[in-house]
PDB file of N, CA and C in Angstrom:
ATOM      1  N   ARG A   1      -9.733   4.269-230.746  1.00  0.00           N
ATOM      2  CA  ARG A   1      -9.099   2.948-230.833  1.00  0.00           C
ATOM      3  C   ARG A   1     -10.042   2.029-231.098  1.00  0.00           C
ATOM      4  N   ARG A   2     -11.115   2.011-230.305  1.00  0.00           N
ATOM      5  CA  ARG A   2     -12.254   1.142-230.366  1.00  0.00           C
ATOM      6  C   ARG A   2     -12.762   1.161-231.835  1.00  0.00           C
ATOM      7  N   GLN A   3     -13.075   2.283-232.262  1.00  0.00           N
ATOM      8  CA  GLN A   3     -13.767   2.382-233.548  1.00  0.00           C
ATOM      9  C   GLN A   3     -12.623   1.908-234.562  1.00  0.00           C
ATOM     10  N   GLN A   4     -11.464   1.962-234.587  1.00  0.00           N
ATOM     11  CA  GLN A   4     -10.502   1.327-235.396  1.00  0.00           C
ATOM     12  C   GLN A   4     -10.374  -0.055-235.269  1.00  0.00           C
ATOM     13  N   ALA A   5     -10.477  -0.626-234.213  1.00  0.00           N
ATOM     14  CA  ALA A   5     -10.453  -2.043-234.085  1.00  0.00           C
ATOM     15  C   ALA A   5     -11.684  -2.562-234.696  1.00  0.00           C
ATOM     16  N   GLU A   6     -12.859  -1.861-234.549  1.00  0.00           N
ATOM     17  CA  GLU A   6     -14.023  -2.415-235.118  1.00  0.00           C
ATOM     18  C   GLU A   6     -14.117  -2.359-236.652  1.00  0.00           C
ATOM     19  N   LEU A   7     -13.400  -1.100-237.159  1.00  0.00           N
ATOM     20  CA  LEU A   7     -13.540  -1.020-238.532  1.00  0.00           C
ATOM     21  C   LEU A   7     -12.436  -2.082-239.123  1.00  0.00           C
ATOM     22  N   ASN A   8     -11.455  -2.562-238.558  1.00  0.00           N
ATOM     23  CA  ASN A   8     -10.316  -3.418-238.790  1.00  0.00           C
ATOM     24  C   ASN A   8     -11.274  -4.822-239.018  1.00  0.00           C
ATOM     25  N   LEU A   9     -12.047  -5.190-237.936  1.00  0.00           N
ATOM     26  CA  LEU A   9     -12.646  -6.393-237.848  1.00  0.00           C
ATOM     27  C   LEU A   9     -13.821  -6.486-238.982  1.00  0.00           C
ATOM     28  N   LEU A  10     -14.378  -5.362-239.374  1.00  0.00           N
ATOM     29  CA  LEU A  10     -15.463  -5.341-240.396  1.00  0.00           C
ATOM     30  C   LEU A  10     -14.668  -5.581-241.705  1.00  0.00           C
ATOM     31  N   PHE A  11     -13.479  -5.073-241.791  1.00  0.00           N
ATOM     32  CA  PHE A  11     -12.771  -5.185-243.190  1.00  0.00           C
ATOM     33  C   PHE A  11     -12.101  -6.634-243.369  1.00  0.00           C
ATOM     34  N   GLN A  12     -11.695  -7.070-242.392  1.00  0.00           N
ATOM     35  CA  GLN A  12     -10.986  -8.581-242.479  1.00  0.00           C
ATOM     36  C   GLN A  12     -12.055  -9.644-242.624  1.00  0.00           C
ATOM     37  N   ASN A  13     -13.383  -9.533-242.029  1.00  0.00           N
ATOM     38  CA  ASN A  13     -14.295 -10.507-241.919  1.00  0.00           C
ATOM     39  C   ASN A  13     -15.476 -10.150-242.973  1.00  0.00           C
ATOM     40  N   ALA A  14     -15.373  -9.359-243.989  1.00  0.00           N
ATOM     41  CA  ALA A  14     -16.531  -8.916-244.813  1.00  0.00           C
ATOM     42  C   ALA A  14     -16.315 -10.114-245.728  1.00  0.00           C
ATOM     43  N   PRO A  15     -17.654 -10.261-246.080  1.00  0.00           N
ATOM     44  CA  PRO A  15     -17.821 -11.471-247.216  1.00  0.00           C
ATOM     45  C   PRO A  15     -17.468 -11.298-248.611  1.00  0.00           C
ATOM     46  N   ILE A  16     -17.211 -10.034-248.906  1.00  0.00           N
ATOM     47  CA  ILE A  16     -16.791  -9.640-250.230  1.00  0.00           C
ATOM     48  C   ILE A  16     -15.314  -9.081-250.126  1.00  0.00           C
ATOM     49  N   GLY A  17     -14.560  -9.405-251.221  1.00  0.00           N
ATOM     50  CA  GLY A  17     -13.274  -8.944-251.456  1.00  0.00           C
ATOM     51  C   GLY A  17     -13.107  -7.616-251.458  1.00  0.00           C
ATOM     52  N   MET A  18     -12.052  -7.084-250.518  1.00  0.00           N
ATOM     53  CA  MET A  18     -11.908  -5.637-250.556  1.00  0.00           C
ATOM     54  C   MET A  18     -10.431  -5.335-250.606  1.00  0.00           C
ATOM     55  N   ILE A  19      -9.951  -4.282-251.237  1.00  0.00           N
ATOM     56  CA  ILE A  19      -8.462  -3.954-251.525  1.00  0.00           C
ATOM     57  C   ILE A  19      -8.322  -2.598-251.063  1.00  0.00           C
ATOM     58  N   VAL A  20      -7.424  -2.146-250.388  1.00  0.00           N
ATOM     59  CA  VAL A  20      -6.936  -0.732-250.192  1.00  0.00           C
ATOM     60  C   VAL A  20      -5.640  -0.599-250.875  1.00  0.00           C
ATOM     61  N   ALA A  21      -5.497   0.532-251.700  1.00  0.00           N
ATOM     62  CA  ALA A  21      -4.371   0.810-252.455  1.00  0.00           C
ATOM     63  C   ALA A  21      -4.080   2.041-252.122  1.00  0.00           C
ATOM     64  N   ASP A  22      -2.591   2.246-252.612  1.00  0.00           N
ATOM     65  CA  ASP A  22      -2.150   3.783-252.278  1.00  0.00           C
ATOM     66  C   ASP A  22      -2.455   4.365-253.439  1.00  0.00           C
ATOM     67  N   GLN A  23      -1.710   5.579-253.558  1.00  0.00           N
ATOM     68  CA  GLN A  23      -2.018   6.531-254.567  1.00  0.00           C
ATOM     69  C   GLN A  23      -1.244   6.128-256.027  1.00  0.00           C
ATOM     70  N   HIS A  24      -0.519   5.038-255.856  1.00  0.00           N
ATOM     71  CA  HIS A  24       0.151   4.312-257.021  1.00  0.00           C
ATOM     72  C   HIS A  24      -0.688   3.203-257.534  1.00  0.00           C
ATOM     73  N   SER A  25      -1.606   2.855-256.957  1.00  0.00           N
ATOM     74  CA  SER A  25      -2.309   1.666-257.187  1.00  0.00           C
ATOM     75  C   SER A  25      -2.027   0.449-256.608  1.00  0.00           C
ATOM     76  N   LYS A  26      -0.936   0.578-255.896  1.00  0.00           N
ATOM     77  CA  LYS A  26      -0.217  -0.684-255.216  1.00  0.00           C
ATOM     78  C   LYS A  26      -1.165  -1.061-254.080  1.00  0.00           C
ATOM     79  N   VAL A  27      -1.325  -2.348-253.864  1.00  0.00           N
ATOM     80  CA  VAL A  27      -2.372  -2.783-252.692  1.00  0.00           C
ATOM     81  C   VAL A  27      -1.341  -2.724-251.526  1.00  0.00           C
ATOM     82  N   ILE A  28      -2.013  -2.156-250.641  1.00  0.00           N
ATOM     83  CA  ILE A  28      -1.447  -2.058-249.336  1.00  0.00           C
ATOM     84  C   ILE A  28      -2.304  -2.857-248.084  1.00  0.00           C
ATOM     85  N   ARG A  29      -3.496  -3.266-248.551  1.00  0.00           N
ATOM     86  CA  ARG A  29      -4.102  -4.362-247.553  1.00  0.00           C
ATOM     87  C   ARG A  29      -5.324  -4.641-248.352  1.00  0.00           C
ATOM     88  N   ALA A  30      -5.448  -6.121-248.125  1.00  0.00           N
ATOM     89  CA  ALA A  30      -6.462  -7.007-248.959  1.00  0.00           C
ATOM     90  C   ALA A  30      -7.187  -7.833-247.566  1.00  0.00           C
ATOM     91  N   ASN A  31      -8.334  -7.907-247.773  1.00  0.00           N
ATOM     92  CA  ASN A  31      -8.981  -8.730-246.687  1.00  0.00           C
ATOM     93  C   ASN A  31      -9.074 -10.234-247.203  1.00  0.00           C
ATOM     94  N   HIS A  32      -9.604 -10.984-246.165  1.00  0.00           N
ATOM     95  CA  HIS A  32      -9.399 -12.459-246.256  1.00  0.00           C
ATOM     96  C   HIS A  32     -10.248 -13.059-247.512  1.00  0.00           C
ATOM     97  N   ALA A  33     -11.330 -12.456-247.727  1.00  0.00           N
ATOM     98  CA  ALA A  33     -12.315 -12.857-248.858  1.00  0.00           C
ATOM     99  C   ALA A  33     -11.519 -12.477-250.258  1.00  0.00           C
ATOM    100  N   CYS A  34     -10.918 -11.433-250.235  1.00  0.00           N
ATOM    101  CA  CYS A  34     -10.139 -11.113-251.725  1.00  0.00           C
ATOM    102  C   CYS A  34      -9.078 -12.185-251.883  1.00  0.00           C
ATOM    103  N   CYS A  35      -8.244 -12.479-250.835  1.00  0.00           N
ATOM    104  CA  CYS A  35      -7.282 -13.238-250.926  1.00  0.00           C
ATOM    105  C   CYS A  35      -7.833 -14.586-251.343  1.00  0.00           C
ATOM    106  N   GLU A  36      -8.965 -15.064-250.922  1.00  0.00           N
ATOM    107  CA  GLU A  36      -9.462 -16.404-251.288  1.00  0.00           C
ATOM    108  C   GLU A  36      -9.867 -16.227-252.740  1.00  0.00           C
ATOM    109  N   LEU A  37     -10.535 -15.360-252.897  1.00  0.00           N
ATOM    110  CA  LEU A  37     -11.256 -15.096-254.311  1.00  0.00           C
ATOM    111  C   LEU A  37     -10.090 -15.136-255.456  1.00  0.00           C
ATOM    112  N   PHE A  38      -9.027 -14.637-255.214  1.00  0.00           N
ATOM    113  CA  PHE A  38      -7.803 -14.416-256.045  1.00  0.00           C
ATOM    114  C   PHE A  38      -6.808 -15.641-256.012  1.00  0.00           C
ATOM    115  N   GLY A  39      -6.962 -16.328-254.829  1.00  0.00           N
ATOM    116  CA  GLY A  39      -5.761 -17.265-254.655  1.00  0.00           C
ATOM    117  C   GLY A  39      -4.511 -16.862-254.197  1.00  0.00           C
ATOM    118  N   TYR A  40      -4.602 -15.577-253.620  1.00  0.00           N
ATOM    119  CA  TYR A  40      -3.217 -15.084-253.065  1.00  0.00           C
ATOM    120  C   TYR A  40      -3.167 -15.128-251.540  1.00  0.00           C
ATOM    121  N   SER A  41      -2.081 -15.204-250.971  1.00  0.00           N
ATOM    122  CA  SER A  41      -1.817 -14.861-249.547  1.00  0.00           C
ATOM    123  C   SER A  41      -1.583 -13.461-249.358  1.00  0.00           C
ATOM    124  N   GLN A  42      -1.860 -13.098-247.822  1.00  0.00           N
ATOM    125  CA  GLN A  42      -1.768 -11.666-247.684  1.00  0.00           C
ATOM    126  C   GLN A  42      -0.242 -11.177-248.153  1.00  0.00           C
ATOM    127  N   GLU A  43       0.650 -11.910-247.904  1.00  0.00           N
ATOM    128  CA  GLU A  43       2.031 -11.566-248.365  1.00  0.00           C
ATOM    129  C   GLU A  43       2.248 -11.443-249.933  1.00  0.00           C
ATOM    130  N   GLU A  44       1.667 -12.295-250.573  1.00  0.00           N
ATOM    131  CA  GLU A  44       1.707 -12.106-252.071  1.00  0.00           C
ATOM    132  C   GLU A  44       1.100 -11.186-252.592  1.00  0.00           C
ATOM    133  N   ILE A  45      -0.234 -10.747-252.004  1.00  0.00           N
ATOM    134  CA  ILE A  45      -0.928  -9.602-252.733  1.00  0.00           C
ATOM    135  C   ILE A  45      -0.527  -8.370-252.487  1.00  0.00           C
ATOM    136  N   ILE A  46       0.135  -8.108-251.288  1.00  0.00           N
ATOM    137  CA  ILE A  46       0.591  -6.681-250.842  1.00  0.00           C
ATOM    138  C   ILE A  46       1.758  -6.167-251.855  1.00  0.00           C
ATOM    139  N   GLY A  47       1.547  -5.031-252.552  1.00  0.00           N
ATOM    140  CA  GLY A  47       2.478  -4.716-253.534  1.00  0.00           C
ATOM    141  C   GLY A  47       2.089  -4.666-254.921  1.00  0.00           C
ATOM    142  N   LEU A  48       1.024  -5.614-255.022  1.00  0.00           N
ATOM    143  CA  LEU A  48       0.705  -5.979-256.480  1.00  0.00           C
ATOM    144  C   LEU A  48       0.003  -4.598-257.179  1.00  0.00           C
ATOM    145  N   ASP A  49      -0.220  -4.309-258.245  1.00  0.00           N
ATOM    146  CA  ASP A  49      -1.027  -3.458-258.683  1.00  0.00           C
ATOM    147  C   ASP A  49      -2.505  -3.775-258.814  1.00  0.00           C
ATOM    148  N   SER A  50      -3.345  -2.966-258.006  1.00  0.00           N
ATOM    149  CA  SER A  50      -4.702  -3.088-257.729  1.00  0.00           C
ATOM    150  C   SER A  50      -5.435  -3.360-258.881  1.00  0.00           C
ATOM    151  N   ARG A  51      -5.066  -2.729-260.004  1.00  0.00           N
ATOM    152  CA  ARG A  51      -6.009  -2.641-261.314  1.00  0.00           C
ATOM    153  C   ARG A  51      -5.858  -4.032-261.849  1.00  0.00           C
ATOM    154  N   THR A  52      -4.814  -5.010-261.410  1.00  0.00           N
ATOM    155  CA  THR A  52      -4.919  -6.270-262.255  1.00  0.00           C
ATOM    156  C   THR A  52      -6.073  -7.066-261.738  1.00  0.00           C
ATOM    157  N   PHE A  53      -6.857  -6.445-260.869  1.00  0.00           N
ATOM    158  CA  PHE A  53      -7.938  -7.351-260.166  1.00  0.00           C
ATOM    159  C   PHE A  53      -9.116  -6.949-260.695  1.00  0.00           C
ATOM    160  N   SER A  54      -9.153  -5.957-261.654  1.00  0.00           N
ATOM    161  CA  SER A  54     -10.280  -5.575-262.271  1.00  0.00           C
ATOM    162  C   SER A  54     -10.411  -6.322-263.517  1.00  0.00           C
ATOM    163  N   HIS A  55     -11.448  -6.648-264.307  1.00  0.00           N
ATOM    164  CA  HIS A  55     -11.602  -7.454-265.503  1.00  0.00           C
ATOM    165  C   HIS A  55     -11.171  -6.412-266.488  1.00  0.00           C
ATOM    166  N   PRO A  56     -10.525  -6.752-267.443  1.00  0.00           N
ATOM    167  CA  PRO A  56      -9.954  -6.010-268.610  1.00  0.00           C
ATOM    168  C   PRO A  56     -10.723  -5.055-269.395  1.00  0.00           C
ATOM    169  N   ASP A  57     -12.223  -5.317-269.395  1.00  0.00           N
ATOM    170  CA  ASP A  57     -13.065  -4.335-269.842  1.00  0.00           C
ATOM    171  C   ASP A  57     -13.431  -3.366-268.912  1.00  0.00           C
ATOM    172  N   ASP A  58     -13.010  -3.634-267.656  1.00  0.00           N
ATOM    173  CA  ASP A  58     -13.555  -2.456-266.547  1.00  0.00           C
ATOM    174  C   ASP A  58     -12.334  -1.669-266.050  1.00  0.00           C
ATOM    175  N   ARG A  59     -11.093  -2.093-266.646  1.00  0.00           N
ATOM    176  CA  ARG A  59      -9.902  -1.387-266.134  1.00  0.00           C
ATOM    177  C   ARG A  59     -10.010   0.095-266.245  1.00  0.00           C
ATOM    178  N   HIS A  60     -10.501   0.550-267.374  1.00  0.00           N
ATOM    179  CA  HIS A  60     -10.524   2.137-267.585  1.00  0.00           C
ATOM    180  C   HIS A  60     -11.498   2.665-266.536  1.00  0.00           C
ATOM    181  N   ILE A  61     -12.308   2.152-266.136  1.00  0.00           N
ATOM    182  CA  ILE A  61     -13.369   2.736-265.010  1.00  0.00           C
ATOM    183  C   ILE A  61     -12.545   2.802-263.706  1.00  0.00           C
ATOM    184  N   ALA A  62     -11.776   1.833-263.375  1.00  0.00           N
ATOM    185  CA  ALA A  62     -10.871   1.707-262.149  1.00  0.00           C
ATOM    186  C   ALA A  62      -9.798   2.852-262.243  1.00  0.00           C
ATOM    187  N   ILE A  63      -9.108   3.148-263.423  1.00  0.00           N
ATOM    188  CA  ILE A  63      -8.262   4.029-263.511  1.00  0.00           C
ATOM    189  C   ILE A  63      -8.771   5.402-263.307  1.00  0.00           C
ATOM    190  N   GLU A  64      -9.980   5.666-264.091  1.00  0.00           N
ATOM    191  CA  GLU A  64     -10.660   6.847-264.109  1.00  0.00           C
ATOM    192  C   GLU A  64     -11.079   7.155-262.664  1.00  0.00           C
ATOM    193  N   ALA A  65     -11.571   6.141-261.636  1.00  0.00           N
ATOM    194  CA  ALA A  65     -12.115   6.430-260.470  1.00  0.00           C
ATOM    195  C   ALA A  65     -10.855   6.743-259.615  1.00  0.00           C
ATOM    196  N   GLY A  66      -9.686   5.965-259.623  1.00  0.00           N
ATOM    197  CA  GLY A  66      -8.480   6.412-259.009  1.00  0.00           C
ATOM    198  C   GLY A  66      -8.075   7.729-259.263  1.00  0.00           C
ATOM    199  N   THR A  67      -8.203   8.295-260.646  1.00  0.00           N
ATOM    200  CA  THR A  67      -7.639   9.510-260.854  1.00  0.00           C
ATOM    201  C   THR A  67      -8.479  10.617-260.289  1.00  0.00           C
ATOM    202  N   GLN A  68      -9.836  10.415-260.082  1.00  0.00           N
ATOM    203  CA  GLN A  68     -10.789  11.379-259.414  1.00  0.00           C
ATOM    204  C   GLN A  68     -10.469  11.391-258.089  1.00  0.00           C
ATOM    205  N   LEU A  69     -10.328  10.213-257.437  1.00  0.00           N
ATOM    206  CA  LEU A  69     -10.072  10.127-255.968  1.00  0.00           C
ATOM    207  C   LEU A  69      -8.757  11.091-255.568  1.00  0.00           C
ATOM    208  N   LEU A  70      -7.632  10.938-256.478  1.00  0.00           N
ATOM    209  CA  LEU A  70      -6.339  11.662-256.121  1.00  0.00           C
ATOM    210  C   LEU A  70      -6.887  13.276-256.493  1.00  0.00           C
TER     211      LEU A  70
END
């Protein structure tokens, strides 16, 4: 439990934007820096397609990486 709490603190307070997505590329978690960067609240960003946060020129990389992870 302590390790999980520490990991959660690190995620939420990281200075860079981070997203956790499910197997369908839907956002299930986003940290504060990510919400600030893209101008969304936590509630607004949950459920969005995580690939929309990639630059259009880089989306193929995000798609390929997600495919490899699965």
